[in-house]
C-alpha atoms as a PDB file:
ATOM      1  CA  UNK A   1       0.000   0.000   0.000  1.00  0.00           C
ATOM      2  CA  UNK A   2       0.955   3.636  -0.494  1.00  0.00           C
ATOM      3  CA  UNK A   3       2.624   5.259   2.518  1.00  0.00           C
ATOM      4  CA  UNK A   4       1.016   8.453   3.855  1.00  0.00           C
ATOM      5  CA  UNK A   5       3.596   9.167   6.601  1.00  0.00           C
ATOM      6  CA  UNK A   6       7.128   7.808   7.050  1.00  0.00           C
ATOM      7  CA  UNK A   7       8.899   8.892  10.249  1.00  0.00           C
ATOM      8  CA  UNK A   8      12.530   7.784  10.591  1.00  0.00           C
ATOM      9  CA  UNK A   9      14.690   8.349  13.694  1.00  0.00           C
ATOM     10  CA  UNK A  10      12.760  11.507  14.588  1.00  0.00           C
ATOM     11  CA  UNK A  11      14.314  13.404  17.484  1.00  0.00           C
ATOM     12  CA  UNK A  12      13.250  16.781  18.886  1.00  0.00           C
ATOM     13  CA  UNK A  13      15.509  18.589  21.343  1.00  0.00           C
ATOM     14  CA  UNK A  14      14.635  21.696  23.319  1.00  0.00           C
ATOM     15  CA  UNK A  15      16.736  23.716  25.749  1.00  0.00           C
ATOM     16  CA  UNK A  16      15.423  24.376  29.244  1.00  0.00           C
ATOM     17  CA  UNK A  17      16.817  27.550  30.825  1.00  0.00           C
ATOM     18  CA  UNK A  18      16.675  28.605  34.479  1.00  0.00           C
ATOM     19  CA  UNK A  19      16.267  32.260  33.540  1.00  0.00           C
ATOM     20  CA  UNK A  20      16.465  34.814  30.686  1.00  0.00           C
ATOM     21  CA  UNK A  21      20.160  35.457  31.371  1.00  0.00           C
ATOM     22  CA  UNK A  22      21.015  31.801  30.651  1.00  0.00           C
ATOM     23  CA  UNK A  23      19.022  31.949  27.404  1.00  0.00           C
ATOM     24  CA  UNK A  24      20.916  35.070  26.242  1.00  0.00           C
ATOM     25  CA  UNK A  25      24.322  33.670  27.219  1.00  0.00           C
ATOM     26  CA  UNK A  26      23.571  30.505  25.259  1.00  0.00           C
ATOM     27  CA  UNK A  27      22.908  32.638  22.171  1.00  0.00           C
ATOM     28  CA  UNK A  28      25.955  34.938  22.371  1.00  0.00           C
ATOM     29  CA  UNK A  29      28.723  32.836  23.937  1.00  0.00           C
ATOM     30  CA  UNK A  30      30.467  29.657  22.753  1.00  0.00           C
ATOM     31  CA  UNK A  31      29.764  27.944  26.085  1.00  0.00           C
ATOM     32  CA  UNK A  32      26.572  25.890  26.210  1.00  0.00           C
ATOM     33  CA  UNK A  33      23.958  26.961  28.749  1.00  0.00           C
ATOM     34  CA  UNK A  34      20.670  25.336  29.682  1.00  0.00           C
ATOM     35  CA  UNK A  35      19.605  21.717  30.021  1.00  0.00           C
ATOM     36  CA  UNK A  36      18.880  19.540  26.990  1.00  0.00           C
ATOM     37  CA  UNK A  37      15.329  18.197  26.961  1.00  0.00           C
ATOM     38  CA  UNK A  38      14.323  15.568  24.407  1.00  0.00           C
ATOM     39  CA  UNK A  39      10.602  15.728  23.643  1.00  0.00           C
ATOM     40  CA  UNK A  40      11.149  12.917  21.090  1.00  0.00           C
ATOM     41  CA  UNK A  41      13.981  10.412  20.785  1.00  0.00           C
ATOM     42  CA  UNK A  42      14.497   8.166  17.729  1.00  0.00           C
ATOM     43  CA  UNK A  43      10.811   7.791  16.835  1.00  0.00           C
ATOM     44  CA  UNK A  44      10.070   5.449  13.922  1.00  0.00           C
ATOM     45  CA  UNK A  45       6.668   4.595  12.468  1.00  0.00           C
ATOM     46  CA  UNK A  46       4.844   4.410   9.148  1.00  0.00           C
ATOM     47  CA  UNK A  47       1.214   5.126   8.282  1.00  0.00           C
ATOM     48  CA  UNK A  48      -0.398   3.578   5.239  1.00  0.00           C
ATOM     49  CA  UNK A  49      -2.830   5.684   3.228  1.00  0.00           C
ATOM     50  CA  UNK A  50      -6.218   5.356   4.964  1.00  0.00           C
ATOM     51  CA  UNK A  51      -4.791   4.394   8.377  1.00  0.00           C
ATOM     52  CA  UNK A  52      -6.470   5.773  11.498  1.00  0.00           C
ATOM     53  CA  UNK A  53      -3.729   5.927  14.138  1.00  0.00           C
ATOM     54  CA  UNK A  54      -4.176   6.929  17.764  1.00  0.00           C
ATOM     55  CA  UNK A  55      -1.266   8.511  19.651  1.00  0.00           C
ATOM     56  CA  UNK A  56      -1.358   7.588  23.341  1.00  0.00           C
ATOM     57  CA  UNK A  57       0.859   8.216  26.343  1.00  0.00           C
ATOM     58  CA  UNK A  58       0.797  10.064  29.645  1.00  0.00           C
ATOM     59  CA  UNK A  59       1.295  13.855  29.682  1.00  0.00           C
ATOM     60  CA  UNK A  60       4.762  14.820  28.447  1.00  0.00           C
ATOM     61  CA  UNK A  61       5.207  11.722  26.293  1.00  0.00           C
ATOM     62  CA  UNK A  62       5.651  13.697  23.042  1.00  0.00           C
ATOM     63  CA  UNK A  63       2.271  13.149  21.355  1.00  0.00           C
ATOM     64  CA  UNK A  64       1.646  16.811  20.508  1.00  0.00           C
ATOM     65  CA  UNK A  65       5.284  17.391  19.514  1.00  0.00           C
ATOM     66  CA  UNK A  66       5.106  14.532  17.006  1.00  0.00           C
ATOM     67  CA  UNK A  67       1.734  15.818  15.729  1.00  0.00           C
ATOM     68  CA  UNK A  68       3.202  19.284  15.176  1.00  0.00           C
ATOM     69  CA  UNK A  69       6.219  17.869  13.312  1.00  0.00           C
ATOM     70  CA  UNK A  70       4.002  15.774  11.011  1.00  0.00           C
ATOM     71  CA  UNK A  71       1.850  18.866  10.354  1.00  0.00           C
ATOM     72  CA  UNK A  72       4.965  20.890   9.464  1.00  0.00           C
ATOM     73  CA  UNK A  73       4.453  23.386  12.302  1.00  0.00           C
ATOM     74  CA  UNK A  74       7.744  22.674  14.092  1.00  0.00           C
ATOM     75  CA  UNK A  75      10.899  21.123  12.616  1.00  0.00           C
ATOM     76  CA  UNK A  76      12.535  17.957  13.870  1.00  0.00           C
ATOM     77  CA  UNK A  77      16.044  18.271  15.352  1.00  0.00           C
ATOM     78  CA  UNK A  78      17.175  15.029  13.727  1.00  0.00           C
ATOM     79  CA  UNK A  79      15.673  12.310  11.563  1.00  0.00           C
ATOM     80  CA  UNK A  80      13.137  12.732   8.768  1.00  0.00           C
ATOM     81  CA  UNK A  81       9.380  12.852   8.304  1.00  0.00           C
ATOM     82  CA  UNK A  82       7.977  12.286   4.834  1.00  0.00           C
ATOM     83  CA  UNK A  83       4.316  13.247   4.394  1.00  0.00           C
ATOM     84  CA  UNK A  84       2.575  12.342   1.139  1.00  0.00           C
ATOM     85  CA  UNK A  85      -0.226  14.870   0.761  1.00  0.00           C
ATOM     86  CA  UNK A  86      -1.517  17.929   2.571  1.00  0.00           C
ATOM     87  CA  UNK A  87      -1.665  17.565   6.366  1.00  0.00           C
ATOM     88  CA  UNK A  88      -3.955  19.653   8.551  1.00  0.00           C
ATOM     89  CA  UNK A  89      -3.668  19.881  12.344  1.00  0.00           C
ATOM     90  CA  UNK A  90      -6.705  20.454  14.531  1.00  0.00           C
ATOM     91  CA  UNK A  91      -5.767  21.548  18.038  1.00  0.00           C
ATOM     92  CA  UNK A  92      -7.167  24.192  20.356  1.00  0.00           C
ATOM     93  CA  UNK A  93      -5.997  27.578  19.011  1.00  0.00           C
ATOM     94  CA  UNK A  94      -3.663  25.918  16.494  1.00  0.00           C
ATOM     95  CA  UNK A  95      -2.724  28.477  13.846  1.00  0.00           C
ATOM     96  CA  UNK A  96      -5.366  30.992  14.973  1.00  0.00           C
ATOM     97  CA  UNK A  97      -4.404  34.665  15.424  1.00  0.00           C
ATOM     98  CA  UNK A  98      -6.002  36.122  18.544  1.00  0.00           C
ATOM     99  CA  UNK A  99      -6.163  39.725  17.345  1.00  0.00           C
ATOM    100  CA  UNK A 100      -7.998  38.773  14.143  1.00  0.00           C
ATOM    101  CA  UNK A 101     -11.689  37.953  13.920  1.00  0.00           C
ATOM    102  CA  UNK A 102     -12.894  34.424  13.262  1.00  0.00           C
ATOM    103  CA  UNK A 103     -13.734  35.421   9.673  1.00  0.00           C
ATOM    104  CA  UNK A 104     -10.264  36.899   9.117  1.00  0.00           C
ATOM    105  CA  UNK A 105      -8.699  33.724  10.515  1.00  0.00           C
ATOM    106  CA  UNK A 106     -10.674  31.618   8.053  1.00  0.00           C
ATOM    107  CA  UNK A 107      -9.411  33.748   5.163  1.00  0.00           C
ATOM    108  CA  UNK A 108      -5.804  33.761   6.400  1.00  0.00           C
ATOM    109  CA  UNK A 109      -5.624  30.013   6.999  1.00  0.00           C
ATOM    110  CA  UNK A 110      -7.243  29.207   3.655  1.00  0.00           C
ATOM    111  CA  UNK A 111      -4.883  31.597   1.807  1.00  0.00           C
ATOM    112  CA  UNK A 112      -1.924  29.870   3.490  1.00  0.00           C
ATOM    113  CA  UNK A 113      -3.291  26.540   2.255  1.00  0.00           C
ATOM    114  CA  UNK A 114      -3.314  27.859  -1.332  1.00  0.00           C
ATOM    115  CA  UNK A 115      -7.012  28.609  -1.853  1.00  0.00           C
ATOM    116  CA  UNK A 116      -8.033  31.543  -4.068  1.00  0.00           C
ATOM    117  CA  UNK A 117     -10.270  34.372  -2.796  1.00  0.00           C
ATOM    118  CA  UNK A 118     -13.199  33.013  -4.820  1.00  0.00           C
ATOM    119  CA  UNK A 119     -12.724  29.531  -3.341  1.00  0.00           C
ATOM    120  CA  UNK A 120     -12.530  31.008   0.175  1.00  0.00           C
ATOM    121  CA  UNK A 121     -15.753  32.969  -0.422  1.00  0.00           C
ATOM    122  CA  UNK A 122     -17.442  29.670  -1.292  1.00  0.00           C
ATOM    123  CA  UNK A 123     -15.960  27.783   1.705  1.00  0.00           C
ATOM    124  CA  UNK A 124     -16.500  30.499   4.328  1.00  0.00           C
ATOM    125  CA  UNK A 125     -20.264  30.034   4.992  1.00  0.00           C
ATOM    126  CA  UNK A 126     -19.797  26.241   5.266  1.00  0.00           C
ATOM    127  CA  UNK A 127     -16.996  26.719   7.820  1.00  0.00           C
ATOM    128  CA  UNK A 128     -19.010  29.237   9.882  1.00  0.00           C
ATOM    129  CA  UNK A 129     -22.094  26.995   9.846  1.00  0.00           C
ATOM    130  CA  UNK A 130     -20.130  23.890  10.899  1.00  0.00           C
ATOM    131  CA  UNK A 131     -18.396  25.820  13.706  1.00  0.00           C
ATOM    132  CA  UNK A 132     -21.759  27.176  14.925  1.00  0.00           C
ATOM    133  CA  UNK A 133     -20.187  30.615  15.395  1.00  0.00           C
ATOM    134  CA  UNK A 134     -22.516  32.795  13.304  1.00  0.00           C
ATOM    135  CA  UNK A 135     -23.055  35.361  16.100  1.00  0.00           C
ATOM    136  CA  UNK A 136     -19.376  35.557  17.029  1.00  0.00           C
ATOM    137  CA  UNK A 137     -17.548  35.151  13.707  1.00  0.00           C
ATOM    138  CA  UNK A 138     -16.639  38.859  13.443  1.00  0.00           C
ATOM    139  CA  UNK A 139     -15.351  39.078  17.031  1.00  0.00           C
ATOM    140  CA  UNK A 140     -11.589  38.746  17.776  1.00  0.00           C
ATOM    141  CA  UNK A 141     -10.558  35.154  18.428  1.00  0.00           C
ATOM    142  CA  UNK A 142      -8.837  36.177  21.692  1.00  0.00           C
ATOM    143  CA  UNK A 143     -12.347  36.737  23.102  1.00  0.00           C
ATOM    144  CA  UNK A 144     -13.404  33.154  22.224  1.00  0.00           C
ATOM    145  CA  UNK A 145     -13.624  30.364  24.790  1.00  0.00           C
ATOM    146  CA  UNK A 146     -11.329  27.362  24.270  1.00  0.00           C
ATOM    147  CA  UNK A 147     -14.334  25.418  22.970  1.00  0.00           C
ATOM    148  CA  UNK A 148     -15.125  28.099  20.378  1.00  0.00           C
ATOM    149  CA  UNK A 149     -11.504  28.180  19.199  1.00  0.00           C
ATOM    150  CA  UNK A 150     -11.520  24.406  18.900  1.00  0.00           C
ATOM    151  CA  UNK A 151     -14.753  24.480  16.887  1.00  0.00           C
ATOM    152  CA  UNK A 152     -13.374  27.101  14.496  1.00  0.00           C
ATOM    153  CA  UNK A 153     -10.101  25.212  14.005  1.00  0.00           C
ATOM    154  CA  UNK A 154     -11.938  21.934  13.457  1.00  0.00           C
ATOM    155  CA  UNK A 155     -14.405  23.503  11.005  1.00  0.00           C
ATOM    156  CA  UNK A 156     -11.627  25.061   8.896  1.00  0.00           C
ATOM    157  CA  UNK A 157      -9.590  21.860   8.794  1.00  0.00           C
ATOM    158  CA  UNK A 158     -12.392  19.484   7.821  1.00  0.00           C
ATOM    159  CA  UNK A 159     -13.929  21.866   5.268  1.00  0.00           C
ATOM    160  CA  UNK A 160     -10.682  22.350   3.316  1.00  0.00           C
ATOM    161  CA  UNK A 161     -10.605  18.541   2.907  1.00  0.00           C
ATOM    162  CA  UNK A 162      -6.932  17.654   3.632  1.00  0.00           C
ATOM    163  CA  UNK A 163      -5.291  14.321   2.723  1.00  0.00           C
ATOM    164  CA  UNK A 164      -4.065  13.790   6.299  1.00  0.00           C
ATOM    165  CA  UNK A 165      -6.047  14.992   9.292  1.00  0.00           C
ATOM    166  CA  UNK A 166      -4.335  15.318  12.695  1.00  0.00           C
ATOM    167  CA  UNK A 167      -6.711  15.810  15.635  1.00  0.00           C
ATOM    168  CA  UNK A 168      -4.897  16.758  18.858  1.00  0.00           C
ATOM    169  CA  UNK A 169      -7.271  16.742  21.853  1.00  0.00           C
ATOM    170  CA  UNK A 170      -9.630  18.993  19.867  1.00  0.00           C
ATOM    171  CA  UNK A 171     -12.688  16.938  20.838  1.00  0.00           C
ATOM    172  CA  UNK A 172     -11.976  17.122  24.572  1.00  0.00           C
ATOM    173  CA  UNK A 173     -12.941  20.816  24.652  1.00  0.00           C
ATOM    174  CA  UNK A 174     -16.471  22.115  24.227  1.00  0.00           C
ATOM    175  CA  UNK A 175     -19.908  20.555  24.307  1.00  0.00           C
ATOM    176  CA  UNK A 176     -20.788  16.914  23.813  1.00  0.00           C
ATOM    177  CA  UNK A 177     -23.083  17.622  20.845  1.00  0.00           C
ATOM    178  CA  UNK A 178     -20.272  19.254  18.854  1.00  0.00           C
ATOM    179  CA  UNK A 179     -17.881  16.401  19.754  1.00  0.00           C
ATOM    180  CA  UNK A 180     -20.457  13.942  18.390  1.00  0.00           C
ATOM    181  CA  UNK A 181     -20.871  16.022  15.218  1.00  0.00           C
ATOM    182  CA  UNK A 182     -17.085  16.131  14.802  1.00  0.00           C
ATOM    183  CA  UNK A 183     -16.743  12.358  15.268  1.00  0.00           C
ATOM    184  CA  UNK A 184     -19.403  11.843  12.587  1.00  0.00           C
ATOM    185  CA  UNK A 185     -17.424  14.108  10.229  1.00  0.00           C
ATOM    186  CA  UNK A 186     -14.285  12.092  10.970  1.00  0.00           C
ATOM    187  CA  UNK A 187     -16.200   8.896  10.175  1.00  0.00           C
ATOM    188  CA  UNK A 188     -17.062  10.437   6.780  1.00  0.00           C
ATOM    189  CA  UNK A 189     -13.331  11.046   6.241  1.00  0.00           C
ATOM    190  CA  UNK A 190     -12.625   7.465   7.282  1.00  0.00           C
ATOM    191  CA  UNK A 191     -15.087   6.194   4.653  1.00  0.00           C
ATOM    192  CA  UNK A 192     -13.307   8.350   2.053  1.00  0.00           C
ATOM    193  CA  UNK A 193     -10.029   6.600   2.904  1.00  0.00           C
ATOM    194  CA  UNK A 194      -8.358   9.652   4.485  1.00  0.00           C
ATOM    195  CA  UNK A 195      -5.355   9.145   6.751  1.00  0.00           C
ATOM    196  CA  UNK A 196      -5.962  10.356  10.300  1.00  0.00           C
ATOM    197  CA  UNK A 197      -3.899  10.818  13.435  1.00  0.00           C
ATOM    198  CA  UNK A 198      -5.958  11.019  16.611  1.00  0.00           C
ATOM    199  CA  UNK A 199      -4.443  12.310  19.869  1.00  0.00           C
ATOM    200  CA  UNK A 200      -6.696  11.882  22.895  1.00  0.00           C
ATOM    201  CA  UNK A 201      -6.770  10.762  26.519  1.00  0.00           C
ATOM    202  CA  UNK A 202     -10.159   9.160  25.833  1.00  0.00           C
ATOM    203  CA  UNK A 203      -9.459   5.445  25.411  1.00  0.00           C
ATOM    204  CA  UNK A 204     -13.155   4.988  24.588  1.00  0.00           C
ATOM    205  CA  UNK A 205     -12.802   7.250  21.541  1.00  0.00           C
ATOM    206  CA  UNK A 206      -9.607   5.381  20.566  1.00  0.00           C
ATOM    207  CA  UNK A 207     -11.412   2.017  20.679  1.00  0.00           C
ATOM    208  CA  UNK A 208     -14.353   3.385  18.700  1.00  0.00           C
ATOM    209  CA  UNK A 209     -12.417   5.205  16.041  1.00  0.00           C
ATOM    210  CA  UNK A 210      -8.798   4.039  15.610  1.00  0.00           C
ATOM    211  CA  UNK A 211      -7.325   0.980  13.913  1.00  0.00           C
ATOM    212  CA  UNK A 212      -3.715   1.309  15.081  1.00  0.00           C
ATOM    213  CA  UNK A 213      -2.048   2.759  18.175  1.00  0.00           C
ATOM    214  CA  UNK A 214       1.344   4.439  18.588  1.00  0.00           C
ATOM    215  CA  UNK A 215       2.265   4.428  22.295  1.00  0.00           C
ATOM    216  CA  UNK A 216       4.846   7.025  23.291  1.00  0.00           C
ATOM    217  CA  UNK A 217       6.643   7.065  26.640  1.00  0.00           C
ATOM    218  CA  UNK A 218       8.927  10.014  27.449  1.00  0.00           C
ATOM    219  CA  UNK A 219       9.446  10.708  23.756  1.00  0.00           C
ATOM    220  CA  UNK A 220      10.200   7.110  22.750  1.00  0.00           C
ATOM    221  CA  UNK A 221       8.070   4.496  20.986  1.00  0.00           C
ATOM    222  CA  UNK A 222       6.909   2.012  23.611  1.00  0.00           C
ATOM    223  CA  UNK A 223       4.698   0.036  21.220  1.00  0.00           C
ATOM    224  CA  UNK A 224       3.037   0.280  17.811  1.00  0.00           C
ATOM    225  CA  UNK A 225       0.386  -2.052  16.488  1.00  0.00           C
ATOM    226  CA  UNK A 226      -3.339  -2.743  16.271  1.00  0.00           C
ATOM    227  CA  UNK A 227      -5.782  -1.313  18.816  1.00  0.00           C
ATOM    228  CA  UNK A 228      -6.476  -4.824  20.165  1.00  0.00           C
ATOM    229  CA  UNK A 229      -2.754  -5.454  20.679  1.00  0.00           C
ATOM    230  CA  UNK A 230      -1.633  -2.154  22.202  1.00  0.00           C
ATOM    231  CA  UNK A 231      -4.523  -0.633  24.180  1.00  0.00           C
ATOM    232  CA  UNK A 232      -4.866  -3.520  26.703  1.00  0.00           C
ATOM    233  CA  UNK A 233      -1.128  -3.188  27.464  1.00  0.00           C
ATOM    234  CA  UNK A 234      -1.506   0.568  27.936  1.00  0.00           C
ATOM    235  CA  UNK A 235      -4.522   0.143  30.223  1.00  0.00           C
ATOM    236  CA  UNK A 236      -2.529  -2.320  32.350  1.00  0.00           C
ATOM    237  CA  UNK A 237       0.395   0.146  32.399  1.00  0.00           C
ATOM    238  CA  UNK A 238      -1.919   2.905  33.705  1.00  0.00           C
ATOM    239  CA  UNK A 239      -3.261   0.595  36.425  1.00  0.00           C
ATOM    240  CA  UNK A 240       0.280  -0.313  37.504  1.00  0.00           C
ATOM    241  CA  UNK A 241       1.376   3.344  37.499  1.00  0.00           C
ATOM    242  CA  UNK A 242      -1.518   4.255  39.816  1.00  0.00           C
ATOM    243  CA  UNK A 243      -0.332   1.678  42.351  1.00  0.00           C
ATOM    244  CA  UNK A 244       3.155   3.219  42.567  1.00  0.00           C
ATOM    245  CA  UNK A 245       4.122   5.699  45.264  1.00  0.00           C
ATOM    246  CA  UNK A 246       5.478   9.102  44.230  1.00  0.00           C
ATOM    247  CA  UNK A 247       9.005   7.885  45.003  1.00  0.00           C
ATOM    248  CA  UNK A 248       8.515   4.762  42.859  1.00  0.00           C
ATOM    249  CA  UNK A 249       7.094   6.839  39.985  1.00  0.00           C
ATOM    250  CA  UNK A 250      10.068   9.226  40.197  1.00  0.00           C
ATOM    251  CA  UNK A 251      12.506   6.287  40.154  1.00  0.00           C
ATOM    252  CA  UNK A 252      10.709   4.783  37.148  1.00  0.00           C
ATOM    253  CA  UNK A 253      10.834   8.125  35.330  1.00  0.00           C
ATOM    254  CA  UNK A 254      14.560   8.530  36.028  1.00  0.00           C
ATOM    255  CA  UNK A 255      15.250   5.025  34.693  1.00  0.00           C
ATOM    256  CA  UNK A 256      13.313   5.739  31.485  1.00  0.00           C
ATOM    257  CA  UNK A 257      15.027   9.119  30.977  1.00  0.00           C
ATOM    258  CA  UNK A 258      18.414   7.421  31.446  1.00  0.00           C
ATOM    259  CA  UNK A 259      17.422   4.970  28.706  1.00  0.00           C
ATOM    260  CA  UNK A 260      16.335   7.924  26.542  1.00  0.00           C
ATOM    261  CA  UNK A 261      19.711   9.650  27.032  1.00  0.00           C
ATOM    262  CA  UNK A 262      21.586   6.461  26.083  1.00  0.00           C
ATOM    263  CA  UNK A 263      19.437   6.170  22.963  1.00  0.00           C
ATOM    264  CA  UNK A 264      20.102   9.785  21.923  1.00  0.00           C
ATOM    265  CA  UNK A 265      23.847   9.475  22.599  1.00  0.00           C
ATOM    266  CA  UNK A 266      23.876   6.320  20.483  1.00  0.00           C
ATOM    267  CA  UNK A 267      22.312   8.233  17.571  1.00  0.00           C
ATOM    268  CA  UNK A 268      24.775  11.114  17.924  1.00  0.00           C
END
């Protein structure tokens, strides 16, 4: 089958600084300041065209970082990501400009995606109707609730009909009725054979919607396979983590981060 996404040895490094002075010194002096933080370390996976893949992992595991790299919003530090087709990321506030109105944001995002003014004029009412923001569409986005921002971002992304749709926790914000409407739209995309990445803490939504699961732990791939193979292991992992004391969780985390550092040093 045709590959939609090929991620090879993807690593993303950030610098953590104690203060602004450290950040400035790191920029202007040869000495290195700040602590290296690896949001992703040697991530490998492939998505076939039409795959519906869920990204799971506890907070800080790298799910959103990987989503942003696939969407072309942030660059990887090392490795490569090949995306065959146009990818669109749906996340709360993703790509929205707070000082602009909802209508202006629609126009800006569509222009960036290569649509003409005539095409945007045709798409605009459909986007506004789907987002259910008719009364607020000419207000600045910074005045929107997180649910309204999510609805606008979702409406733009699904209406422009991308090849690859990346949904990052966008359905966890806002009302249940809109989440249901959004899931139905995603099912339409699924029937069309679109490739989708779904990031959510809702294991119920994962079971209902996804076919494959990529499990990330502290920026590394813990497991990748079918929903039936991976989700039961993850659920057991969560149960075991809950039983641990804070000290035991900290020790576990340190052991995993040590493994991550060894992996990164091996690549370099």
